[in-house]
Amino acid sequence: MFVRIAALSLVSMALAAGPCAAQAVKPFSFGLWGDMPYKKAGDDPKLPAVLKSINQSDIAFSLYDGDIKDGSSKCTDEVYTDALKMFNSMAKPVVYVPGDNEWTDCHRSNNGGFNTLERLAHLRKVMFPSANSLGQTTLALEQQGKLGEKFVENSRFSHGGVVFVGINQPGSNNNVVMSEKECKNKSARDNAQCDAANAEYIERDTANVGWMMASFAAAKAQNAAGIVVVTQGDPGFDLPETEDFDESTQASVSGYRNFMAKLTEQTEQFKGQVLFVHGDTHYFKLDKPLYHPNKMLTNFTRLQTFGSPSLHWVRVTVDVASANVFTVHPVIVQQP
């Protein structure tokens, strides 16, 4: 189903521009980071160098693709306030996209056995205090929901001829619970909570698809050269594949199937470039994984960001007036 272009050995990779990139817009750069810091991995001493590297760069803003803590520590309130302090220490605007470790996985016994939907509601109230980004300077955001309410975390903004979209689609299969065994495994959940999780997934997935499609419509209306869609969960591009095995049909990634199918359709109908960004797996990857080995969806590129214990970030340069829209540079942070 997927075509791969190896990227780990690349310092940068230019992504082909669509025909709508003829506007005279000044080039700019933005940053991507996430899945850090993980205290149990010993990340705390490494984090200041990453923040310093981002702060001293020439980026206009950054997007953080989820996981403000590790997956085996408690989801207590200070986790969120500590993350806010981290984001608000950044000189440039930061757009935060939720990950699984701060809500989906909080039911785990080693996470404190929290109700995941209560933690999601708490996250929405605390991590999205206004209609602006986080950071010492801020960006105005369009948000799908009202402050403190459902889907406030889904955001959108335009900059330099590109539309940026943040969507709450985290790891752990997007909060889908496939069986009673999975429901109770190392978890404080009961059956009613797992039923509620699946109902939450259906409602949020519908909202996510609607927000994504509206964002493509906005990009078309603006004649945007590209669109950047940022989520946290790995939708399963890298599962083993053979001629008789379609990784996207596997239960472990079933929670992403509907959204990714709709994203593929929107990409097919879009003249510009689509950069799909996610974290969750902690390896930097840059490839073109759609559709299959015999047919590539040329204007779709997947960028997977670094994550603990590899505390680095990615700088993306946008030039809509050149032959390329996006150029991707992994930034390796040297630790003191």
C-alpha atoms as a PDB file:
ATOM      1  CA  MET A   1       0.000   0.000   0.000  1.00  0.00           C
ATOM      2  CA  PHE A   2       2.861   2.384   0.707  1.00  0.00           C
ATOM      3  CA  VAL A   3       5.965   3.636  -1.086  1.00  0.00           C
ATOM      4  CA  ARG A   4       8.945   4.527   1.097  1.00  0.00           C
ATOM      5  CA  ILE A   5      11.807   6.888   0.366  1.00  0.00           C
ATOM      6  CA  ALA A   6      14.614   6.436   2.897  1.00  0.00           C
ATOM      7  CA  ALA A   7      15.369   9.688   4.649  1.00  0.00           C
ATOM      8  CA  LEU A   8      17.395   8.994   7.775  1.00  0.00           C
ATOM      9  CA  SER A   9      20.631   9.638   5.923  1.00  0.00           C
ATOM     10  CA  LEU A  10      19.417  12.904   4.425  1.00  0.00           C
ATOM     11  CA  VAL A  11      20.358  16.258   5.861  1.00  0.00           C
ATOM     12  CA  SER A  12      17.444  17.848   4.043  1.00  0.00           C
ATOM     13  CA  MET A  13      14.865  16.974   1.438  1.00  0.00           C
ATOM     14  CA  ALA A  14      13.039  19.326  -0.908  1.00  0.00           C
ATOM     15  CA  LEU A  15       9.376  18.668  -1.566  1.00  0.00           C
ATOM     16  CA  ALA A  16       8.045  19.451  -5.026  1.00  0.00           C
ATOM     17  CA  ALA A  17       5.818  22.493  -5.305  1.00  0.00           C
ATOM     18  CA  GLY A  18       2.341  22.614  -6.737  1.00  0.00           C
ATOM     19  CA  PRO A  19       1.349  25.053  -9.462  1.00  0.00           C
ATOM     20  CA  CYS A  20      -0.178  27.470  -6.945  1.00  0.00           C
ATOM     21  CA  ALA A  21       3.190  28.500  -5.479  1.00  0.00           C
ATOM     22  CA  ALA A  22       3.734  31.556  -7.656  1.00  0.00           C
ATOM     23  CA  GLN A  23       2.988  34.156  -5.029  1.00  0.00           C
ATOM     24  CA  ALA A  24       5.734  36.625  -4.083  1.00  0.00           C
ATOM     25  CA  VAL A  25       5.862  35.686  -0.402  1.00  0.00           C
ATOM     26  CA  LYS A  26       9.020  35.996   1.678  1.00  0.00           C
ATOM     27  CA  PRO A  27      10.446  32.583   2.667  1.00  0.00           C
ATOM     28  CA  PHE A  28      10.262  31.627   6.334  1.00  0.00           C
ATOM     29  CA  SER A  29      11.034  28.674   8.597  1.00  0.00           C
ATOM     30  CA  PHE A  30       9.122  26.907  11.354  1.00  0.00           C
ATOM     31  CA  GLY A  31      10.028  24.233  13.900  1.00  0.00           C
ATOM     32  CA  LEU A  32       8.599  20.841  14.818  1.00  0.00           C
ATOM     33  CA  TRP A  33       9.211  18.974  18.065  1.00  0.00           C
ATOM     34  CA  GLY A  34       7.485  16.667  20.524  1.00  0.00           C
ATOM     35  CA  ASP A  35       7.580  13.509  22.657  1.00  0.00           C
ATOM     36  CA  MET A  36       9.725  15.222  25.296  1.00  0.00           C
ATOM     37  CA  PRO A  37      10.719  15.509  28.089  1.00  0.00           C
ATOM     38  CA  TYR A  38      10.371  11.991  29.491  1.00  0.00           C
ATOM     39  CA  LYS A  39      11.598  12.141  33.095  1.00  0.00           C
ATOM     40  CA  LYS A  40      11.992   8.374  33.385  1.00  0.00           C
ATOM     41  CA  ALA A  41      14.291   8.425  30.345  1.00  0.00           C
ATOM     42  CA  GLY A  42      16.494  11.040  31.995  1.00  0.00           C
ATOM     43  CA  ASP A  43      15.486  13.816  29.586  1.00  0.00           C
ATOM     44  CA  ASP A  44      15.397  16.722  32.028  1.00  0.00           C
ATOM     45  CA  PRO A  45      19.128  17.583  31.795  1.00  0.00           C
ATOM     46  CA  LYS A  46      18.936  17.422  27.975  1.00  0.00           C
ATOM     47  CA  LEU A  47      15.877  19.629  27.526  1.00  0.00           C
ATOM     48  CA  PRO A  48      17.474  23.075  28.101  1.00  0.00           C
ATOM     49  CA  ALA A  49      19.790  22.605  25.113  1.00  0.00           C
ATOM     50  CA  VAL A  50      16.806  21.829  22.876  1.00  0.00           C
ATOM     51  CA  LEU A  51      14.858  24.865  24.064  1.00  0.00           C
ATOM     52  CA  LYS A  52      17.947  27.056  23.629  1.00  0.00           C
ATOM     53  CA  SER A  53      18.513  25.724  20.104  1.00  0.00           C
ATOM     54  CA  ILE A  54      14.932  26.488  19.098  1.00  0.00           C
ATOM     55  CA  ASN A  55      14.968  29.897  20.780  1.00  0.00           C
ATOM     56  CA  GLN A  56      18.188  30.933  19.049  1.00  0.00           C
ATOM     57  CA  SER A  57      16.991  29.813  15.607  1.00  0.00           C
ATOM     58  CA  ASP A  58      15.402  31.961  12.911  1.00  0.00           C
ATOM     59  CA  ILE A  59      12.040  30.189  12.950  1.00  0.00           C
ATOM     60  CA  ALA A  60       8.790  32.178  12.912  1.00  0.00           C
ATOM     61  CA  PHE A  61       7.024  29.685  15.215  1.00  0.00           C
ATOM     62  CA  SER A  62       7.006  26.008  16.177  1.00  0.00           C
ATOM     63  CA  LEU A  63       4.456  23.224  16.488  1.00  0.00           C
ATOM     64  CA  TYR A  64       4.726  20.609  19.230  1.00  0.00           C
ATOM     65  CA  ASP A  65       3.181  17.268  18.244  1.00  0.00           C
ATOM     66  CA  GLY A  66       2.265  15.855  21.631  1.00  0.00           C
ATOM     67  CA  ASP A  67       3.490  13.817  24.621  1.00  0.00           C
ATOM     68  CA  ILE A  68       4.488  16.289  27.309  1.00  0.00           C
ATOM     69  CA  LYS A  69       5.466  13.355  29.565  1.00  0.00           C
ATOM     70  CA  ASP A  70       6.399   9.688  29.351  1.00  0.00           C
ATOM     71  CA  GLY A  71       3.820   6.924  29.167  1.00  0.00           C
ATOM     72  CA  SER A  72       4.475   5.337  32.562  1.00  0.00           C
ATOM     73  CA  SER A  73       4.187   8.272  34.962  1.00  0.00           C
ATOM     74  CA  LYS A  74       1.190   9.780  36.695  1.00  0.00           C
ATOM     75  CA  CYS A  75      -1.131  12.227  34.880  1.00  0.00           C
ATOM     76  CA  THR A  76      -1.264  14.645  37.806  1.00  0.00           C
ATOM     77  CA  ASP A  77      -2.186  18.296  37.382  1.00  0.00           C
ATOM     78  CA  GLU A  78       1.396  19.571  37.593  1.00  0.00           C
ATOM     79  CA  VAL A  79       2.233  17.719  34.364  1.00  0.00           C
ATOM     80  CA  TYR A  80       0.120  20.221  32.435  1.00  0.00           C
ATOM     81  CA  THR A  81       1.228  23.316  34.325  1.00  0.00           C
ATOM     82  CA  ASP A  82       4.881  22.287  33.924  1.00  0.00           C
ATOM     83  CA  ALA A  83       4.306  21.909  30.170  1.00  0.00           C
ATOM     84  CA  LEU A  84       2.751  25.370  30.024  1.00  0.00           C
ATOM     85  CA  LYS A  85       5.846  26.782  31.715  1.00  0.00           C
ATOM     86  CA  MET A  86       8.019  25.038  29.123  1.00  0.00           C
ATOM     87  CA  PHE A  87       6.005  26.334  26.175  1.00  0.00           C
ATOM     88  CA  ASN A  88       5.778  29.835  27.593  1.00  0.00           C
ATOM     89  CA  SER A  89       9.566  29.942  27.992  1.00  0.00           C
ATOM     90  CA  MET A  90       9.824  29.885  24.194  1.00  0.00           C
ATOM     91  CA  ALA A  91      10.568  33.205  22.514  1.00  0.00           C
ATOM     92  CA  LYS A  92       8.489  32.436  19.423  1.00  0.00           C
ATOM     93  CA  PRO A  93       4.884  31.171  19.258  1.00  0.00           C
ATOM     94  CA  VAL A  94       4.270  27.480  20.012  1.00  0.00           C
ATOM     95  CA  VAL A  95       1.189  25.623  18.784  1.00  0.00           C
ATOM     96  CA  TYR A  96       0.501  22.605  21.002  1.00  0.00           C
ATOM     97  CA  VAL A  97      -1.149  19.436  19.685  1.00  0.00           C
ATOM     98  CA  PRO A  98      -2.127  16.797  22.321  1.00  0.00           C
ATOM     99  CA  GLY A  99      -0.510  13.373  22.580  1.00  0.00           C
ATOM    100  CA  ASP A 100      -1.562  10.067  24.117  1.00  0.00           C
ATOM    101  CA  ASN A 101       0.587  10.271  27.242  1.00  0.00           C
ATOM    102  CA  GLU A 102      -1.313  13.276  28.567  1.00  0.00           C
ATOM    103  CA  TRP A 103      -4.798  11.825  28.239  1.00  0.00           C
ATOM    104  CA  THR A 104      -5.411   8.617  26.243  1.00  0.00           C
ATOM    105  CA  ASP A 105      -3.052   6.532  28.393  1.00  0.00           C
ATOM    106  CA  CYS A 106      -3.879   8.036  31.776  1.00  0.00           C
ATOM    107  CA  HIS A 107      -6.125   5.046  32.597  1.00  0.00           C
ATOM    108  CA  ARG A 108      -3.026   2.889  33.053  1.00  0.00           C
ATOM    109  CA  SER A 109      -2.324   1.833  36.624  1.00  0.00           C
ATOM    110  CA  ASN A 110       1.203   3.274  36.452  1.00  0.00           C
ATOM    111  CA  ASN A 111      -0.277   6.565  35.200  1.00  0.00           C
ATOM    112  CA  GLY A 112      -2.422   6.832  38.313  1.00  0.00           C
ATOM    113  CA  GLY A 113      -5.544   5.112  36.991  1.00  0.00           C
ATOM    114  CA  PHE A 114      -7.217   8.341  35.919  1.00  0.00           C
ATOM    115  CA  ASN A 115     -10.413   8.608  33.922  1.00  0.00           C
ATOM    116  CA  THR A 116      -9.085   9.470  30.465  1.00  0.00           C
ATOM    117  CA  LEU A 117     -12.062  11.607  29.509  1.00  0.00           C
ATOM    118  CA  GLU A 118     -11.717  13.654  32.706  1.00  0.00           C
ATOM    119  CA  ARG A 119      -8.044  14.215  31.850  1.00  0.00           C
ATOM    120  CA  LEU A 120      -9.000  15.240  28.310  1.00  0.00           C
ATOM    121  CA  ALA A 121     -11.469  17.770  29.703  1.00  0.00           C
ATOM    122  CA  HIS A 122      -8.791  19.061  32.087  1.00  0.00           C
ATOM    123  CA  LEU A 123      -6.276  19.349  29.242  1.00  0.00           C
ATOM    124  CA  ARG A 124      -8.732  21.361  27.172  1.00  0.00           C
ATOM    125  CA  LYS A 125      -9.252  23.842  29.996  1.00  0.00           C
ATOM    126  CA  VAL A 126      -5.608  24.196  31.044  1.00  0.00           C
ATOM    127  CA  MET A 127      -3.532  23.822  27.878  1.00  0.00           C
ATOM    128  CA  PHE A 128      -5.685  26.107  25.722  1.00  0.00           C
ATOM    129  CA  PRO A 129      -6.192  29.192  27.894  1.00  0.00           C
ATOM    130  CA  SER A 130      -6.910  31.550  25.000  1.00  0.00           C
ATOM    131  CA  ALA A 131      -7.520  31.724  21.267  1.00  0.00           C
ATOM    132  CA  ASN A 132      -3.804  32.327  20.762  1.00  0.00           C
ATOM    133  CA  SER A 133      -0.802  30.042  20.633  1.00  0.00           C
ATOM    134  CA  LEU A 134       1.494  29.576  23.596  1.00  0.00           C
ATOM    135  CA  GLY A 135       4.915  31.242  23.855  1.00  0.00           C
ATOM    136  CA  GLN A 136       6.270  34.669  24.814  1.00  0.00           C
ATOM    137  CA  THR A 137       4.960  35.980  21.506  1.00  0.00           C
ATOM    138  CA  THR A 138       1.766  34.482  20.174  1.00  0.00           C
ATOM    139  CA  LEU A 139      -0.166  33.692  17.025  1.00  0.00           C
ATOM    140  CA  ALA A 140      -3.914  34.126  16.686  1.00  0.00           C
ATOM    141  CA  LEU A 141      -5.534  30.735  16.057  1.00  0.00           C
ATOM    142  CA  GLU A 142      -8.824  29.573  14.666  1.00  0.00           C
ATOM    143  CA  GLN A 143     -10.133  26.886  17.001  1.00  0.00           C
ATOM    144  CA  GLN A 144     -12.815  24.329  16.297  1.00  0.00           C
ATOM    145  CA  GLY A 145     -14.347  24.539  19.764  1.00  0.00           C
ATOM    146  CA  LYS A 146     -14.979  27.250  22.328  1.00  0.00           C
ATOM    147  CA  LEU A 147     -12.476  27.836  25.128  1.00  0.00           C
ATOM    148  CA  GLY A 148     -12.590  25.055  27.698  1.00  0.00           C
ATOM    149  CA  GLU A 149     -14.922  22.923  25.602  1.00  0.00           C
ATOM    150  CA  LYS A 150     -14.723  20.030  23.163  1.00  0.00           C
ATOM    151  CA  PHE A 151     -12.358  20.350  20.189  1.00  0.00           C
ATOM    152  CA  VAL A 152     -10.803  23.643  21.293  1.00  0.00           C
ATOM    153  CA  GLU A 153      -7.507  21.827  20.757  1.00  0.00           C
ATOM    154  CA  ASN A 154      -8.078  21.577  16.998  1.00  0.00           C
ATOM    155  CA  SER A 155      -6.498  24.695  15.536  1.00  0.00           C
ATOM    156  CA  ARG A 156      -5.722  26.392  12.258  1.00  0.00           C
ATOM    157  CA  PHE A 157      -3.779  29.409  11.042  1.00  0.00           C
ATOM    158  CA  SER A 158      -2.237  30.679   7.817  1.00  0.00           C
ATOM    159  CA  HIS A 159       1.267  32.024   7.355  1.00  0.00           C
ATOM    160  CA  GLY A 160       3.265  32.895   4.256  1.00  0.00           C
ATOM    161  CA  GLY A 161       1.046  31.131   1.745  1.00  0.00           C
ATOM    162  CA  VAL A 162       0.641  27.920   3.770  1.00  0.00           C
ATOM    163  CA  VAL A 163      -2.207  26.676   5.994  1.00  0.00           C
ATOM    164  CA  PHE A 164      -1.251  24.969   9.278  1.00  0.00           C
ATOM    165  CA  VAL A 165      -3.648  22.573  10.992  1.00  0.00           C
ATOM    166  CA  GLY A 166      -3.375  20.950  14.435  1.00  0.00           C
ATOM    167  CA  ILE A 167      -5.608  17.956  15.181  1.00  0.00           C
ATOM    168  CA  ASN A 168      -6.101  15.885  18.348  1.00  0.00           C
ATOM    169  CA  GLN A 169      -5.387  12.406  16.973  1.00  0.00           C
ATOM    170  CA  PRO A 170      -3.095  10.755  19.510  1.00  0.00           C
ATOM    171  CA  GLY A 171      -1.309   7.462  19.884  1.00  0.00           C
ATOM    172  CA  SER A 172      -2.675   4.305  21.452  1.00  0.00           C
ATOM    173  CA  ASN A 173      -4.913   3.858  18.424  1.00  0.00           C
ATOM    174  CA  ASN A 174      -6.637   7.223  18.828  1.00  0.00           C
ATOM    175  CA  ASN A 175      -8.410   6.131  22.054  1.00  0.00           C
ATOM    176  CA  VAL A 176     -10.115   3.143  20.419  1.00  0.00           C
ATOM    177  CA  VAL A 177     -10.562   0.126  22.727  1.00  0.00           C
ATOM    178  CA  MET A 178     -10.770  -3.082  20.695  1.00  0.00           C
ATOM    179  CA  SER A 179     -11.688  -5.666  23.345  1.00  0.00           C
ATOM    180  CA  GLU A 180     -12.470  -6.274  27.009  1.00  0.00           C
ATOM    181  CA  LYS A 181      -8.990  -7.751  27.432  1.00  0.00           C
ATOM    182  CA  GLU A 182      -7.430  -4.572  26.083  1.00  0.00           C
ATOM    183  CA  CYS A 183      -9.769  -2.517  28.253  1.00  0.00           C
ATOM    184  CA  LYS A 184      -8.586  -4.115  31.501  1.00  0.00           C
ATOM    185  CA  ASN A 185      -4.912  -4.742  30.672  1.00  0.00           C
ATOM    186  CA  LYS A 186      -2.725  -2.926  33.254  1.00  0.00           C
ATOM    187  CA  SER A 187      -5.597  -0.499  33.618  1.00  0.00           C
ATOM    188  CA  ALA A 188      -7.988   0.908  36.194  1.00  0.00           C
ATOM    189  CA  ARG A 189     -10.783   1.128  33.595  1.00  0.00           C
ATOM    190  CA  ASP A 190     -14.106  -0.650  33.779  1.00  0.00           C
ATOM    191  CA  ASN A 191     -16.308  -1.637  30.839  1.00  0.00           C
ATOM    192  CA  ALA A 192     -18.383   1.533  31.070  1.00  0.00           C
ATOM    193  CA  GLN A 193     -15.281   3.701  30.761  1.00  0.00           C
ATOM    194  CA  CYS A 194     -14.120   1.731  27.727  1.00  0.00           C
ATOM    195  CA  ASP A 195     -17.518   2.119  26.103  1.00  0.00           C
ATOM    196  CA  ALA A 196     -17.302   5.840  26.803  1.00  0.00           C
ATOM    197  CA  ALA A 197     -13.817   5.933  25.241  1.00  0.00           C
ATOM    198  CA  ASN A 198     -15.095   4.405  22.021  1.00  0.00           C
ATOM    199  CA  ALA A 199     -18.019   6.823  21.916  1.00  0.00           C
ATOM    200  CA  GLU A 200     -15.559   9.684  22.453  1.00  0.00           C
ATOM    201  CA  TYR A 201     -13.418   8.415  19.572  1.00  0.00           C
ATOM    202  CA  ILE A 202     -16.376   8.364  17.177  1.00  0.00           C
ATOM    203  CA  GLU A 203     -17.431  11.902  18.093  1.00  0.00           C
ATOM    204  CA  ARG A 204     -13.888  13.307  17.926  1.00  0.00           C
ATOM    205  CA  ASP A 205     -12.980  11.473  14.719  1.00  0.00           C
ATOM    206  CA  THR A 206     -16.042  12.995  13.044  1.00  0.00           C
ATOM    207  CA  ALA A 207     -15.014  16.433  14.289  1.00  0.00           C
ATOM    208  CA  ASN A 208     -11.392  15.869  13.210  1.00  0.00           C
ATOM    209  CA  VAL A 209     -12.383  14.917   9.679  1.00  0.00           C
ATOM    210  CA  GLY A 210     -14.663  17.931   9.439  1.00  0.00           C
ATOM    211  CA  TRP A 211     -11.923  20.276  10.651  1.00  0.00           C
ATOM    212  CA  MET A 212      -9.382  18.782   8.263  1.00  0.00           C
ATOM    213  CA  MET A 213     -11.725  19.075   5.289  1.00  0.00           C
ATOM    214  CA  ALA A 214     -12.613  22.665   6.192  1.00  0.00           C
ATOM    215  CA  SER A 215      -8.891  23.418   6.371  1.00  0.00           C
ATOM    216  CA  PHE A 216      -8.335  22.091   2.862  1.00  0.00           C
ATOM    217  CA  ALA A 217     -11.233  24.239   1.686  1.00  0.00           C
ATOM    218  CA  ALA A 218      -9.584  27.256   3.327  1.00  0.00           C
ATOM    219  CA  ALA A 219      -6.259  26.397   1.662  1.00  0.00           C
ATOM    220  CA  LYS A 220      -7.945  26.218  -1.738  1.00  0.00           C
ATOM    221  CA  ALA A 221      -9.769  29.502  -1.163  1.00  0.00           C
ATOM    222  CA  GLN A 222      -6.459  31.171  -0.298  1.00  0.00           C
ATOM    223  CA  ASN A 223      -4.702  29.545  -3.256  1.00  0.00           C
ATOM    224  CA  ALA A 224      -2.218  28.226  -0.694  1.00  0.00           C
ATOM    225  CA  ALA A 225       0.911  26.505  -1.950  1.00  0.00           C
ATOM    226  CA  GLY A 226       0.766  23.940   0.818  1.00  0.00           C
ATOM    227  CA  ILE A 227      -0.951  22.645   3.915  1.00  0.00           C
ATOM    228  CA  VAL A 228       0.719  21.227   7.034  1.00  0.00           C
ATOM    229  CA  VAL A 229      -1.384  18.780   9.077  1.00  0.00           C
ATOM    230  CA  VAL A 230       0.018  17.974  12.522  1.00  0.00           C
ATOM    231  CA  THR A 231      -1.193  15.133  14.754  1.00  0.00           C
ATOM    232  CA  GLN A 232       0.572  12.970  17.341  1.00  0.00           C
ATOM    233  CA  GLY A 233      -0.352   9.347  16.669  1.00  0.00           C
ATOM    234  CA  ASP A 234       1.577   7.174  14.229  1.00  0.00           C
ATOM    235  CA  PRO A 235      -1.127   5.922  11.829  1.00  0.00           C
ATOM    236  CA  GLY A 236       0.783   2.753  10.936  1.00  0.00           C
ATOM    237  CA  PHE A 237       2.853   3.588   7.873  1.00  0.00           C
ATOM    238  CA  ASP A 238       5.738   1.439   9.117  1.00  0.00           C
ATOM    239  CA  LEU A 239       4.080  -1.838   9.991  1.00  0.00           C
ATOM    240  CA  PRO A 240       5.514  -4.804   8.060  1.00  0.00           C
ATOM    241  CA  GLU A 241       4.088  -5.028   4.558  1.00  0.00           C
ATOM    242  CA  THR A 242       3.932  -7.787   1.985  1.00  0.00           C
ATOM    243  CA  GLU A 243       1.947  -8.304  -1.197  1.00  0.00           C
ATOM    244  CA  ASP A 244      -0.831  -9.935   0.813  1.00  0.00           C
ATOM    245  CA  PHE A 245      -0.683  -7.700   3.885  1.00  0.00           C
ATOM    246  CA  ASP A 246      -2.194  -4.218   4.080  1.00  0.00           C
ATOM    247  CA  GLU A 247      -0.952  -2.576   7.266  1.00  0.00           C
ATOM    248  CA  SER A 248      -3.723   0.020   7.337  1.00  0.00           C
ATOM    249  CA  THR A 249      -6.313  -2.716   7.984  1.00  0.00           C
ATOM    250  CA  GLN A 250      -4.699  -3.870  11.243  1.00  0.00           C
ATOM    251  CA  ALA A 251      -6.598  -3.504  14.503  1.00  0.00           C
ATOM    252  CA  SER A 252      -3.730  -1.643  16.170  1.00  0.00           C
ATOM    253  CA  VAL A 253      -4.212   1.317  13.806  1.00  0.00           C
ATOM    254  CA  SER A 254      -7.943   1.032  13.174  1.00  0.00           C
ATOM    255  CA  GLY A 255      -8.564   4.322  14.951  1.00  0.00           C
ATOM    256  CA  TYR A 256      -6.750   6.229  12.193  1.00  0.00           C
ATOM    257  CA  ARG A 257      -8.293   4.512   9.173  1.00  0.00           C
ATOM    258  CA  ASN A 258     -11.232   6.842   8.544  1.00  0.00           C
ATOM    259  CA  PHE A 259      -9.247  10.060   8.997  1.00  0.00           C
ATOM    260  CA  MET A 260      -6.342   8.906   6.831  1.00  0.00           C
ATOM    261  CA  ALA A 261      -8.699   7.795   4.044  1.00  0.00           C
ATOM    262  CA  LYS A 262     -10.342  11.228   4.040  1.00  0.00           C
ATOM    263  CA  LEU A 263      -6.941  12.950   4.202  1.00  0.00           C
ATOM    264  CA  THR A 264      -5.849  10.955   1.163  1.00  0.00           C
ATOM    265  CA  GLU A 265      -8.966  12.055  -0.741  1.00  0.00           C
ATOM    266  CA  GLN A 266      -8.360  15.693   0.143  1.00  0.00           C
ATOM    267  CA  THR A 267      -4.722  15.433  -0.933  1.00  0.00           C
ATOM    268  CA  GLU A 268      -5.777  14.013  -4.298  1.00  0.00           C
ATOM    269  CA  GLN A 269      -7.986  17.045  -4.864  1.00  0.00           C
ATOM    270  CA  PHE A 270      -5.395  19.611  -3.749  1.00  0.00           C
ATOM    271  CA  LYS A 271      -2.986  21.211  -6.216  1.00  0.00           C
ATOM    272  CA  GLY A 272      -0.369  22.103  -3.606  1.00  0.00           C
ATOM    273  CA  GLN A 273       1.823  20.080  -1.280  1.00  0.00           C
ATOM    274  CA  VAL A 274       0.584  18.269   1.831  1.00  0.00           C
ATOM    275  CA  LEU A 275       3.034  17.788   4.697  1.00  0.00           C
ATOM    276  CA  PHE A 276       1.626  15.341   7.248  1.00  0.00           C
ATOM    277  CA  VAL A 277       3.487  15.543  10.569  1.00  0.00           C
ATOM    278  CA  HIS A 278       3.256  13.116  13.473  1.00  0.00           C
ATOM    279  CA  GLY A 279       5.281  11.953  16.466  1.00  0.00           C
ATOM    280  CA  ASP A 280       4.684   8.954  18.748  1.00  0.00           C
ATOM    281  CA  THR A 281       7.393   6.617  17.360  1.00  0.00           C
ATOM    282  CA  HIS A 282      10.399   8.837  18.199  1.00  0.00           C
ATOM    283  CA  TYR A 283      12.445   8.305  15.013  1.00  0.00           C
ATOM    284  CA  PHE A 284      12.980  11.052  12.458  1.00  0.00           C
ATOM    285  CA  LYS A 285      11.522   9.905   9.132  1.00  0.00           C
ATOM    286  CA  LEU A 286      10.719  11.666   5.900  1.00  0.00           C
ATOM    287  CA  ASP A 287       9.045   9.719   3.109  1.00  0.00           C
ATOM    288  CA  LYS A 288       6.154   9.410   0.669  1.00  0.00           C
ATOM    289  CA  PRO A 289       4.198   6.440   2.049  1.00  0.00           C
ATOM    290  CA  LEU A 290       1.055   6.637  -0.122  1.00  0.00           C
ATOM    291  CA  TYR A 291      -0.365   4.794  -2.040  1.00  0.00           C
ATOM    292  CA  HIS A 292       1.583   1.610  -2.744  1.00  0.00           C
ATOM    293  CA  PRO A 293       4.898   0.552  -4.334  1.00  0.00           C
ATOM    294  CA  ASN A 294       3.540   0.869  -7.869  1.00  0.00           C
ATOM    295  CA  LYS A 295       1.821   4.222  -7.472  1.00  0.00           C
ATOM    296  CA  MET A 296       2.983   7.224  -5.433  1.00  0.00           C
ATOM    297  CA  LEU A 297       0.771  10.068  -4.275  1.00  0.00           C
ATOM    298  CA  THR A 298       3.385  12.631  -5.200  1.00  0.00           C
ATOM    299  CA  ASN A 299       2.099  15.651  -3.276  1.00  0.00           C
ATOM    300  CA  PHE A 300       1.816  13.811   0.072  1.00  0.00           C
ATOM    301  CA  THR A 301       4.852  13.704   2.378  1.00  0.00           C
ATOM    302  CA  ARG A 302       5.057  12.218   5.869  1.00  0.00           C
ATOM    303  CA  LEU A 303       7.406  13.771   8.439  1.00  0.00           C
ATOM    304  CA  GLN A 304       7.882  11.923  11.712  1.00  0.00           C
ATOM    305  CA  THR A 305       9.605  13.979  14.399  1.00  0.00           C
ATOM    306  CA  PHE A 306      12.282  13.034  16.923  1.00  0.00           C
ATOM    307  CA  GLY A 307      11.336  11.954  20.443  1.00  0.00           C
ATOM    308  CA  SER A 308      12.779  10.802  23.742  1.00  0.00           C
ATOM    309  CA  PRO A 309      15.557   9.860  24.345  1.00  0.00           C
ATOM    310  CA  SER A 310      16.646  11.560  21.068  1.00  0.00           C
ATOM    311  CA  LEU A 311      15.995  15.177  22.006  1.00  0.00           C
ATOM    312  CA  HIS A 312      16.307  17.009  18.695  1.00  0.00           C
ATOM    313  CA  TRP A 313      13.955  19.055  16.522  1.00  0.00           C
ATOM    314  CA  VAL A 314      13.134  19.676  12.870  1.00  0.00           C
ATOM    315  CA  ARG A 315      13.379  22.969  10.995  1.00  0.00           C
ATOM    316  CA  VAL A 316      11.232  23.348   7.870  1.00  0.00           C
ATOM    317  CA  THR A 317      11.811  26.162   5.392  1.00  0.00           C
ATOM    318  CA  VAL A 318       8.901  27.354   3.258  1.00  0.00           C
ATOM    319  CA  ASP A 319       9.426  29.157  -0.042  1.00  0.00           C
ATOM    320  CA  VAL A 320       6.257  29.239  -2.103  1.00  0.00           C
ATOM    321  CA  ALA A 321       7.898  31.294  -4.872  1.00  0.00           C
ATOM    322  CA  SER A 322      10.622  28.749  -5.575  1.00  0.00           C
ATOM    323  CA  ALA A 323      10.560  25.402  -7.335  1.00  0.00           C
ATOM    324  CA  ASN A 324      10.055  23.817  -3.906  1.00  0.00           C
ATOM    325  CA  VAL A 325       7.587  24.562  -1.137  1.00  0.00           C
ATOM    326  CA  PHE A 326       9.037  22.725   1.885  1.00  0.00           C
ATOM    327  CA  THR A 327      12.651  21.926   2.688  1.00  0.00           C
ATOM    328  CA  VAL A 328      13.182  19.790   5.783  1.00  0.00           C
ATOM    329  CA  HIS A 329      16.282  19.998   7.998  1.00  0.00           C
ATOM    330  CA  PRO A 330      16.706  17.754  11.064  1.00  0.00           C
ATOM    331  CA  VAL A 331      18.452  19.811  13.760  1.00  0.00           C
ATOM    332  CA  ILE A 332      20.733  17.668  15.905  1.00  0.00           C
ATOM    333  CA  VAL A 333      21.177  19.280  19.310  1.00  0.00           C
ATOM    334  CA  GLN A 334      24.571  18.816  20.901  1.00  0.00           C
ATOM    335  CA  GLN A 335      24.287  18.236  24.630  1.00  0.00           C
ATOM    336  CA  PRO A 336      26.734  19.987  26.982  1.00  0.00           C
END
